[in-house]
Amino acid sequence: MSYKVLLESTAERDIQHLARDILKRIDSKLEALARDPRPHGVTKLQGREGTGWRVRVGDYRILYTIDDDSKTVYVYRIRSRGNAYRL
């Protein structure tokens, strides 16, 4: 069963600043997360981001949480590697 992918307002703002070619790669990864929210290569976050997951798309990171009960993936950050973990 597929999941629903929802972008939080912070992720929507992050997407507005991406180049078109990167946006296409991010979009295809978001579609893949709807099919499998824990694909090969995904990393469970630790520390203050401990409830989330991270998936790489080149030099960019998609940070998200998973609600298995409602079959929903909540994306809260899409940023370059150097800025992804800053609040």
PDB file of N, CA and C in Angstrom:
ATOM      1  N   MET A   1       0.842  -1.178   0.000  1.00  0.00           N
ATOM      2  CA  MET A   1       0.000   0.000   0.000  1.00  0.00           C
ATOM      3  C   MET A   1       0.887   1.242   0.000  1.00  0.00           C
ATOM      4  N   SER A   2       0.546   2.239  -0.788  1.00  0.00           N
ATOM      5  CA  SER A   2       1.389   3.419  -0.877  1.00  0.00           C
ATOM      6  C   SER A   2       1.052   4.430   0.223  1.00  0.00           C
ATOM      7  N   TYR A   3       2.026   5.270   0.483  1.00  0.00           N
ATOM      8  CA  TYR A   3       1.898   6.310   1.491  1.00  0.00           C
ATOM      9  C   TYR A   3       1.551   7.629   0.807  1.00  0.00           C
ATOM     10  N   LYS A   4       1.004   8.541   1.576  1.00  0.00           N
ATOM     11  CA  LYS A   4       0.750   9.897   1.115  1.00  0.00           C
ATOM     12  C   LYS A   4       1.938  10.743   1.574  1.00  0.00           C
ATOM     13  N   VAL A   5       2.493  11.564   0.686  1.00  0.00           N
ATOM     14  CA  VAL A   5       3.619  12.434   1.015  1.00  0.00           C
ATOM     15  C   VAL A   5       3.095  13.860   1.145  1.00  0.00           C
ATOM     16  N   LEU A   6       3.285  14.440   2.325  1.00  0.00           N
ATOM     17  CA  LEU A   6       2.856  15.818   2.587  1.00  0.00           C
ATOM     18  C   LEU A   6       4.074  16.682   2.892  1.00  0.00           C
ATOM     19  N   LEU A   7       4.134  17.838   2.242  1.00  0.00           N
ATOM     20  CA  LEU A   7       5.216  18.784   2.502  1.00  0.00           C
ATOM     21  C   LEU A   7       4.764  19.786   3.545  1.00  0.00           C
ATOM     22  N   GLU A   8       5.557  19.935   4.590  1.00  0.00           N
ATOM     23  CA  GLU A   8       5.273  20.968   5.580  1.00  0.00           C
ATOM     24  C   GLU A   8       5.693  22.313   4.999  1.00  0.00           C
ATOM     25  N   SER A   9       5.277  23.389   5.617  1.00  0.00           N
ATOM     26  CA  SER A   9       5.534  24.723   5.072  1.00  0.00           C
ATOM     27  C   SER A   9       7.026  25.009   4.912  1.00  0.00           C
ATOM     28  N   THR A  10       7.854  24.496   5.820  1.00  0.00           N
ATOM     29  CA  THR A  10       9.298  24.720   5.692  1.00  0.00           C
ATOM     30  C   THR A  10       9.854  24.035   4.449  1.00  0.00           C
ATOM     31  N   ALA A  11       9.379  22.841   4.151  1.00  0.00           N
ATOM     32  CA  ALA A  11       9.830  22.130   2.954  1.00  0.00           C
ATOM     33  C   ALA A  11       9.329  22.820   1.688  1.00  0.00           C
ATOM     34  N   GLU A  12       8.115  23.345   1.726  1.00  0.00           N
ATOM     35  CA  GLU A  12       7.589  24.078   0.572  1.00  0.00           C
ATOM     36  C   GLU A  12       8.433  25.317   0.283  1.00  0.00           C
ATOM     37  N   ARG A  13       8.867  26.010   1.332  1.00  0.00           N
ATOM     38  CA  ARG A  13       9.745  27.176   1.151  1.00  0.00           C
ATOM     39  C   ARG A  13      11.090  26.736   0.595  1.00  0.00           C
ATOM     40  N   ASP A  14      11.618  25.612   1.076  1.00  0.00           N
ATOM     41  CA  ASP A  14      12.903  25.111   0.582  1.00  0.00           C
ATOM     42  C   ASP A  14      12.836  24.803  -0.911  1.00  0.00           C
ATOM     43  N   ILE A  15      11.739  24.223  -1.361  1.00  0.00           N
ATOM     44  CA  ILE A  15      11.588  23.839  -2.762  1.00  0.00           C
ATOM     45  C   ILE A  15      11.589  25.065  -3.677  1.00  0.00           C
ATOM     46  N   GLN A  16      11.071  26.178  -3.207  1.00  0.00           N
ATOM     47  CA  GLN A  16      10.998  27.383  -4.030  1.00  0.00           C
ATOM     48  C   GLN A  16      12.368  27.901  -4.447  1.00  0.00           C
ATOM     49  N   HIS A  17      13.416  27.513  -3.708  1.00  0.00           N
ATOM     50  CA  HIS A  17      14.755  28.017  -3.977  1.00  0.00           C
ATOM     51  C   HIS A  17      15.617  27.039  -4.770  1.00  0.00           C
ATOM     52  N   LEU A  18      15.051  25.932  -5.216  1.00  0.00           N
ATOM     53  CA  LEU A  18      15.820  24.920  -5.923  1.00  0.00           C
ATOM     54  C   LEU A  18      15.825  25.159  -7.425  1.00  0.00           C
ATOM     55  N   ALA A  19      16.923  24.777  -8.054  1.00  0.00           N
ATOM     56  CA  ALA A  19      17.010  24.837  -9.512  1.00  0.00           C
ATOM     57  C   ALA A  19      16.093  23.776 -10.115  1.00  0.00           C
ATOM     58  N   ARG A  20      15.679  23.995 -11.336  1.00  0.00           N
ATOM     59  CA  ARG A  20      14.715  23.118 -11.990  1.00  0.00           C
ATOM     60  C   ARG A  20      15.204  21.673 -12.109  1.00  0.00           C
ATOM     61  N   ASP A  21      16.485  21.474 -12.457  1.00  0.00           N
ATOM     62  CA  ASP A  21      16.995  20.112 -12.604  1.00  0.00           C
ATOM     63  C   ASP A  21      17.031  19.372 -11.263  1.00  0.00           C
ATOM     64  N   ILE A  22      17.371  20.070 -10.207  1.00  0.00           N
ATOM     65  CA  ILE A  22      17.379  19.458  -8.877  1.00  0.00           C
ATOM     66  C   ILE A  22      15.954  19.172  -8.426  1.00  0.00           C
ATOM     67  N   LEU A  23      15.046  20.074  -8.745  1.00  0.00           N
ATOM     68  CA  LEU A  23      13.644  19.891  -8.383  1.00  0.00           C
ATOM     69  C   LEU A  23      13.067  18.623  -9.012  1.00  0.00           C
ATOM     70  N   LYS A  24      13.447  18.319 -10.239  1.00  0.00           N
ATOM     71  CA  LYS A  24      12.989  17.089 -10.893  1.00  0.00           C
ATOM     72  C   LYS A  24      13.485  15.858 -10.142  1.00  0.00           C
ATOM     73  N   ARG A  25      14.747  15.884  -9.712  1.00  0.00           N
ATOM     74  CA  ARG A  25      15.303  14.746  -8.962  1.00  0.00           C
ATOM     75  C   ARG A  25      14.628  14.598  -7.609  1.00  0.00           C
ATOM     76  N   ILE A  26      14.375  15.721  -6.943  1.00  0.00           N
ATOM     77  CA  ILE A  26      13.682  15.698  -5.649  1.00  0.00           C
ATOM     78  C   ILE A  26      12.274  15.143  -5.828  1.00  0.00           C
ATOM     79  N   ASP A  27      11.575  15.592  -6.869  1.00  0.00           N
ATOM     80  CA  ASP A  27      10.213  15.146  -7.121  1.00  0.00           C
ATOM     81  C   ASP A  27      10.158  13.630  -7.344  1.00  0.00           C
ATOM     82  N   SER A  28      11.095  13.100  -8.099  1.00  0.00           N
ATOM     83  CA  SER A  28      11.081  11.648  -8.327  1.00  0.00           C
ATOM     84  C   SER A  28      11.387  10.889  -7.036  1.00  0.00           C
ATOM     85  N   LYS A  29      12.214  11.450  -6.177  1.00  0.00           N
ATOM     86  CA  LYS A  29      12.506  10.800  -4.893  1.00  0.00           C
ATOM     87  C   LYS A  29      11.287  10.849  -3.973  1.00  0.00           C
ATOM     88  N   LEU A  30      10.538  11.953  -4.013  1.00  0.00           N
ATOM     89  CA  LEU A  30       9.319  12.048  -3.208  1.00  0.00           C
ATOM     90  C   LEU A  30       8.290  11.019  -3.679  1.00  0.00           C
ATOM     91  N   GLU A  31       8.193  10.807  -4.981  1.00  0.00           N
ATOM     92  CA  GLU A  31       7.298   9.781  -5.503  1.00  0.00           C
ATOM     93  C   GLU A  31       7.738   8.396  -5.041  1.00  0.00           C
ATOM     94  N   ALA A  32       9.052   8.166  -5.005  1.00  0.00           N
ATOM     95  CA  ALA A  32       9.574   6.886  -4.533  1.00  0.00           C
ATOM     96  C   ALA A  32       9.284   6.689  -3.046  1.00  0.00           C
ATOM     97  N   LEU A  33       9.329   7.764  -2.266  1.00  0.00           N
ATOM     98  CA  LEU A  33       9.016   7.667  -0.840  1.00  0.00           C
ATOM     99  C   LEU A  33       7.557   7.285  -0.614  1.00  0.00           C
ATOM    100  N   ALA A  34       6.695   7.671  -1.532  1.00  0.00           N
ATOM    101  CA  ALA A  34       5.283   7.289  -1.421  1.00  0.00           C
ATOM    102  C   ALA A  34       5.132   5.772  -1.576  1.00  0.00           C
ATOM    103  N   ARG A  35       5.976   5.178  -2.397  1.00  0.00           N
ATOM    104  CA  ARG A  35       5.925   3.719  -2.576  1.00  0.00           C
ATOM    105  C   ARG A  35       6.612   2.978  -1.437  1.00  0.00           C
ATOM    106  N   ASP A  36       7.758   3.524  -0.990  1.00  0.00           N
ATOM    107  CA  ASP A  36       8.528   2.876   0.075  1.00  0.00           C
ATOM    108  C   ASP A  36       9.203   3.957   0.911  1.00  0.00           C
ATOM    109  N   PRO A  37       8.670   4.290   2.092  1.00  0.00           N
ATOM    110  CA  PRO A  37       9.245   5.374   2.894  1.00  0.00           C
ATOM    111  C   PRO A  37      10.579   5.019   3.569  1.00  0.00           C
ATOM    112  N   ARG A  38      10.964   3.769   3.508  1.00  0.00           N
ATOM    113  CA  ARG A  38      12.252   3.342   4.073  1.00  0.00           C
ATOM    114  C   ARG A  38      13.063   2.595   3.010  1.00  0.00           C
ATOM    115  N   PRO A  39      13.456   3.300   1.936  1.00  0.00           N
ATOM    116  CA  PRO A  39      14.192   2.620   0.868  1.00  0.00           C
ATOM    117  C   PRO A  39      15.624   2.305   1.279  1.00  0.00           C
ATOM    118  N   HIS A  40      16.284   1.525   0.455  1.00  0.00           N
ATOM    119  CA  HIS A  40      17.690   1.237   0.685  1.00  0.00           C
ATOM    120  C   HIS A  40      18.472   2.550   0.670  1.00  0.00           C
ATOM    121  N   GLY A  41      19.339   2.761   1.640  1.00  0.00           N
ATOM    122  CA  GLY A  41      20.137   3.974   1.712  1.00  0.00           C
ATOM    123  C   GLY A  41      19.578   5.051   2.611  1.00  0.00           C
ATOM    124  N   VAL A  42      18.381   4.840   3.155  1.00  0.00           N
ATOM    125  CA  VAL A  42      17.795   5.816   4.061  1.00  0.00           C
ATOM    126  C   VAL A  42      18.487   5.706   5.417  1.00  0.00           C
ATOM    127  N   THR A  43      18.586   6.820   6.132  1.00  0.00           N
ATOM    128  CA  THR A  43      19.260   6.850   7.432  1.00  0.00           C
ATOM    129  C   THR A  43      18.309   7.377   8.494  1.00  0.00           C
ATOM    130  N   LYS A  44      18.257   6.689   9.619  1.00  0.00           N
ATOM    131  CA  LYS A  44      17.494   7.152  10.779  1.00  0.00           C
ATOM    132  C   LYS A  44      18.307   8.242  11.445  1.00  0.00           C
ATOM    133  N   LEU A  45      17.697   9.385  11.695  1.00  0.00           N
ATOM    134  CA  LEU A  45      18.404  10.509  12.310  1.00  0.00           C
ATOM    135  C   LEU A  45      18.571  10.289  13.806  1.00  0.00           C
ATOM    136  N   GLN A  46      19.646  10.863  14.332  1.00  0.00           N
ATOM    137  CA  GLN A  46      19.936  10.763  15.758  1.00  0.00           C
ATOM    138  C   GLN A  46      20.032  12.160  16.342  1.00  0.00           C
ATOM    139  N   GLY A  47      20.131  12.249  17.649  1.00  0.00           N
ATOM    140  CA  GLY A  47      20.243  13.547  18.300  1.00  0.00           C
ATOM    141  C   GLY A  47      18.907  14.248  18.362  1.00  0.00           C
ATOM    142  N   ARG A  48      18.924  15.572  18.218  1.00  0.00           N
ATOM    143  CA  ARG A  48      17.677  16.330  18.339  1.00  0.00           C
ATOM    144  C   ARG A  48      16.720  16.046  17.187  1.00  0.00           C
ATOM    145  N   GLU A  49      17.221  15.509  16.071  1.00  0.00           N
ATOM    146  CA  GLU A  49      16.379  15.133  14.941  1.00  0.00           C
ATOM    147  C   GLU A  49      15.997  13.656  15.028  1.00  0.00           C
ATOM    148  N   GLY A  50      16.068  13.077  16.199  1.00  0.00           N
ATOM    149  CA  GLY A  50      15.966  11.645  16.403  1.00  0.00           C
ATOM    150  C   GLY A  50      14.705  10.947  15.947  1.00  0.00           C
ATOM    151  N   THR A  51      13.642  11.637  15.677  1.00  0.00           N
ATOM    152  CA  THR A  51      12.415  10.964  15.269  1.00  0.00           C
ATOM    153  C   THR A  51      12.284  10.869  13.759  1.00  0.00           C
ATOM    154  N   GLY A  52      13.225  11.433  13.030  1.00  0.00           N
ATOM    155  CA  GLY A  52      13.078  11.509  11.584  1.00  0.00           C
ATOM    156  C   GLY A  52      13.990  10.585  10.801  1.00  0.00           C
ATOM    157  N   TRP A  53      13.882  10.716   9.494  1.00  0.00           N
ATOM    158  CA  TRP A  53      14.656   9.947   8.541  1.00  0.00           C
ATOM    159  C   TRP A  53      15.275  10.905   7.547  1.00  0.00           C
ATOM    160  N   ARG A  54      16.331  10.443   6.881  1.00  0.00           N
ATOM    161  CA  ARG A  54      17.013  11.259   5.897  1.00  0.00           C
ATOM    162  C   ARG A  54      17.287  10.414   4.667  1.00  0.00           C
ATOM    163  N   VAL A  55      17.038  11.007   3.506  1.00  0.00           N
ATOM    164  CA  VAL A  55      17.393  10.355   2.255  1.00  0.00           C
ATOM    165  C   VAL A  55      18.182  11.356   1.415  1.00  0.00           C
ATOM    166  N   ARG A  56      19.202  10.857   0.730  1.00  0.00           N
ATOM    167  CA  ARG A  56      20.070  11.707  -0.085  1.00  0.00           C
ATOM    168  C   ARG A  56      19.551  11.815  -1.511  1.00  0.00           C
ATOM    169  N   VAL A  57      19.708  13.009  -2.070  1.00  0.00           N
ATOM    170  CA  VAL A  57      19.473  13.247  -3.493  1.00  0.00           C
ATOM    171  C   VAL A  57      20.635  14.119  -3.945  1.00  0.00           C
ATOM    172  N   GLY A  58      21.719  13.492  -4.357  1.00  0.00           N
ATOM    173  CA  GLY A  58      22.930  14.232  -4.699  1.00  0.00           C
ATOM    174  C   GLY A  58      23.465  14.943  -3.475  1.00  0.00           C
ATOM    175  N   ASP A  59      23.648  16.258  -3.597  1.00  0.00           N
ATOM    176  CA  ASP A  59      24.138  17.060  -2.469  1.00  0.00           C
ATOM    177  C   ASP A  59      23.010  17.568  -1.585  1.00  0.00           C
ATOM    178  N   TYR A  60      21.802  17.134  -1.851  1.00  0.00           N
ATOM    179  CA  TYR A  60      20.637  17.579  -1.084  1.00  0.00           C
ATOM    180  C   TYR A  60      20.134  16.473  -0.180  1.00  0.00           C
ATOM    181  N   ARG A  61      19.443  16.889   0.886  1.00  0.00           N
ATOM    182  CA  ARG A  61      18.874  15.948   1.840  1.00  0.00           C
ATOM    183  C   ARG A  61      17.379  16.228   1.996  1.00  0.00           C
ATOM    184  N   ILE A  62      16.616  15.148   2.035  1.00  0.00           N
ATOM    185  CA  ILE A  62      15.188  15.241   2.334  1.00  0.00           C
ATOM    186  C   ILE A  62      15.019  14.681   3.734  1.00  0.00           C
ATOM    187  N   LEU A  63      14.531  15.505   4.657  1.00  0.00           N
ATOM    188  CA  LEU A  63      14.306  15.098   6.032  1.00  0.00           C
ATOM    189  C   LEU A  63      12.810  14.925   6.242  1.00  0.00           C
ATOM    190  N   TYR A  64      12.429  13.818   6.848  1.00  0.00           N
ATOM    191  CA  TYR A  64      11.010  13.524   6.973  1.00  0.00           C
ATOM    192  C   TYR A  64      10.731  12.605   8.150  1.00  0.00           C
ATOM    193  N   THR A  65       9.456  12.548   8.525  1.00  0.00           N
ATOM    194  CA  THR A  65       8.977  11.607   9.527  1.00  0.00           C
ATOM    195  C   THR A  65       7.931  10.716   8.861  1.00  0.00           C
ATOM    196  N   ILE A  66       7.699   9.560   9.473  1.00  0.00           N
ATOM    197  CA  ILE A  66       6.759   8.588   8.921  1.00  0.00           C
ATOM    198  C   ILE A  66       5.695   8.276   9.963  1.00  0.00           C
ATOM    199  N   ASP A  67       4.452   8.341   9.549  1.00  0.00           N
ATOM    200  CA  ASP A  67       3.332   7.914  10.385  1.00  0.00           C
ATOM    201  C   ASP A  67       2.733   6.672   9.732  1.00  0.00           C
ATOM    202  N   ASP A  68       3.122   5.509  10.242  1.00  0.00           N
ATOM    203  CA  ASP A  68       2.670   4.250   9.654  1.00  0.00           C
ATOM    204  C   ASP A  68       1.176   4.018   9.850  1.00  0.00           C
ATOM    205  N   ASP A  69       0.611   4.543  10.928  1.00  0.00           N
ATOM    206  CA  ASP A  69      -0.825   4.350  11.178  1.00  0.00           C
ATOM    207  C   ASP A  69      -1.680   5.012  10.105  1.00  0.00           C
ATOM    208  N   SER A  70      -1.311   6.242   9.730  1.00  0.00           N
ATOM    209  CA  SER A  70      -2.088   6.955   8.717  1.00  0.00           C
ATOM    210  C   SER A  70      -1.482   6.824   7.317  1.00  0.00           C
ATOM    211  N   LYS A  71      -0.379   6.058   7.213  1.00  0.00           N
ATOM    212  CA  LYS A  71       0.305   5.861   5.922  1.00  0.00           C
ATOM    213  C   LYS A  71       0.671   7.205   5.291  1.00  0.00           C
ATOM    214  N   THR A  72       1.350   8.053   6.098  1.00  0.00           N
ATOM    215  CA  THR A  72       1.716   9.396   5.653  1.00  0.00           C
ATOM    216  C   THR A  72       3.185   9.662   5.917  1.00  0.00           C
ATOM    217  N   VAL A  73       3.846  10.275   4.956  1.00  0.00           N
ATOM    218  CA  VAL A  73       5.225  10.740   5.091  1.00  0.00           C
ATOM    219  C   VAL A  73       5.165  12.264   5.163  1.00  0.00           C
ATOM    220  N   TYR A  74       5.704  12.845   6.238  1.00  0.00           N
ATOM    221  CA  TYR A  74       5.723  14.288   6.433  1.00  0.00           C
ATOM    222  C   TYR A  74       7.131  14.807   6.161  1.00  0.00           C
ATOM    223  N   VAL A  75       7.305  15.510   5.063  1.00  0.00           N
ATOM    224  CA  VAL A  75       8.609  16.080   4.705  1.00  0.00           C
ATOM    225  C   VAL A  75       8.701  17.453   5.342  1.00  0.00           C
ATOM    226  N   TYR A  76       9.736  17.659   6.177  1.00  0.00           N
ATOM    227  CA  TYR A  76       9.843  18.943   6.861  1.00  0.00           C
ATOM    228  C   TYR A  76      11.052  19.762   6.445  1.00  0.00           C
ATOM    229  N   ARG A  77      11.963  19.207   5.655  1.00  0.00           N
ATOM    230  CA  ARG A  77      13.133  19.976   5.224  1.00  0.00           C
ATOM    231  C   ARG A  77      13.693  19.365   3.944  1.00  0.00           C
ATOM    232  N   ILE A  78      14.038  20.229   2.982  1.00  0.00           N
ATOM    233  CA  ILE A  78      14.730  19.821   1.756  1.00  0.00           C
ATOM    234  C   ILE A  78      15.804  20.867   1.517  1.00  0.00           C
ATOM    235  N   ARG A  79      17.025  20.519   1.846  1.00  0.00           N
ATOM    236  CA  ARG A  79      18.124  21.497   1.749  1.00  0.00           C
ATOM    237  C   ARG A  79      19.412  20.820   1.327  1.00  0.00           C
ATOM    238  N   SER A  80      20.397  21.664   1.004  1.00  0.00           N
ATOM    239  CA  SER A  80      21.707  21.141   0.680  1.00  0.00           C
ATOM    240  C   SER A  80      22.327  20.521   1.926  1.00  0.00           C
ATOM    241  N   ARG A  81      23.273  19.665   1.707  1.00  0.00           N
ATOM    242  CA  ARG A  81      23.865  18.893   2.796  1.00  0.00           C
ATOM    243  C   ARG A  81      24.378  19.791   3.931  1.00  0.00           C
ATOM    244  N   GLY A  82      25.021  20.885   3.601  1.00  0.00           N
ATOM    245  CA  GLY A  82      25.601  21.762   4.615  1.00  0.00           C
ATOM    246  C   GLY A  82      24.573  22.507   5.450  1.00  0.00           C
ATOM    247  N   ASN A  83      23.390  22.703   4.909  1.00  0.00           N
ATOM    248  CA  ASN A  83      22.370  23.482   5.617  1.00  0.00           C
ATOM    249  C   ASN A  83      21.186  22.663   6.118  1.00  0.00           C
ATOM    250  N   ALA A  84      21.142  21.401   5.819  1.00  0.00           N
ATOM    251  CA  ALA A  84      19.947  20.577   6.108  1.00  0.00           C
ATOM    252  C   ALA A  84      19.653  20.442   7.597  1.00  0.00           C
ATOM    253  N   TYR A  85      20.662  20.446   8.423  1.00  0.00           N
ATOM    254  CA  TYR A  85      20.448  20.139   9.837  1.00  0.00           C
ATOM    255  C   TYR A  85      20.416  21.369  10.724  1.00  0.00           C
ATOM    256  N   ARG A  86      20.520  22.541  10.139  1.00  0.00           N
ATOM    257  CA  ARG A  86      20.427  23.789  10.903  1.00  0.00           C
ATOM    258  C   ARG A  86      18.982  24.172  11.090  1.00  0.00           C
ATOM    259  N   LEU A  87      18.676  24.717  12.245  1.00  0.00           N
ATOM    260  CA  LEU A  87      17.290  25.142  12.520  1.00  0.00           C
ATOM    261  C   LEU A  87      17.005  26.486  11.962  1.00  0.00           C
TER     262      LEU A  87
END
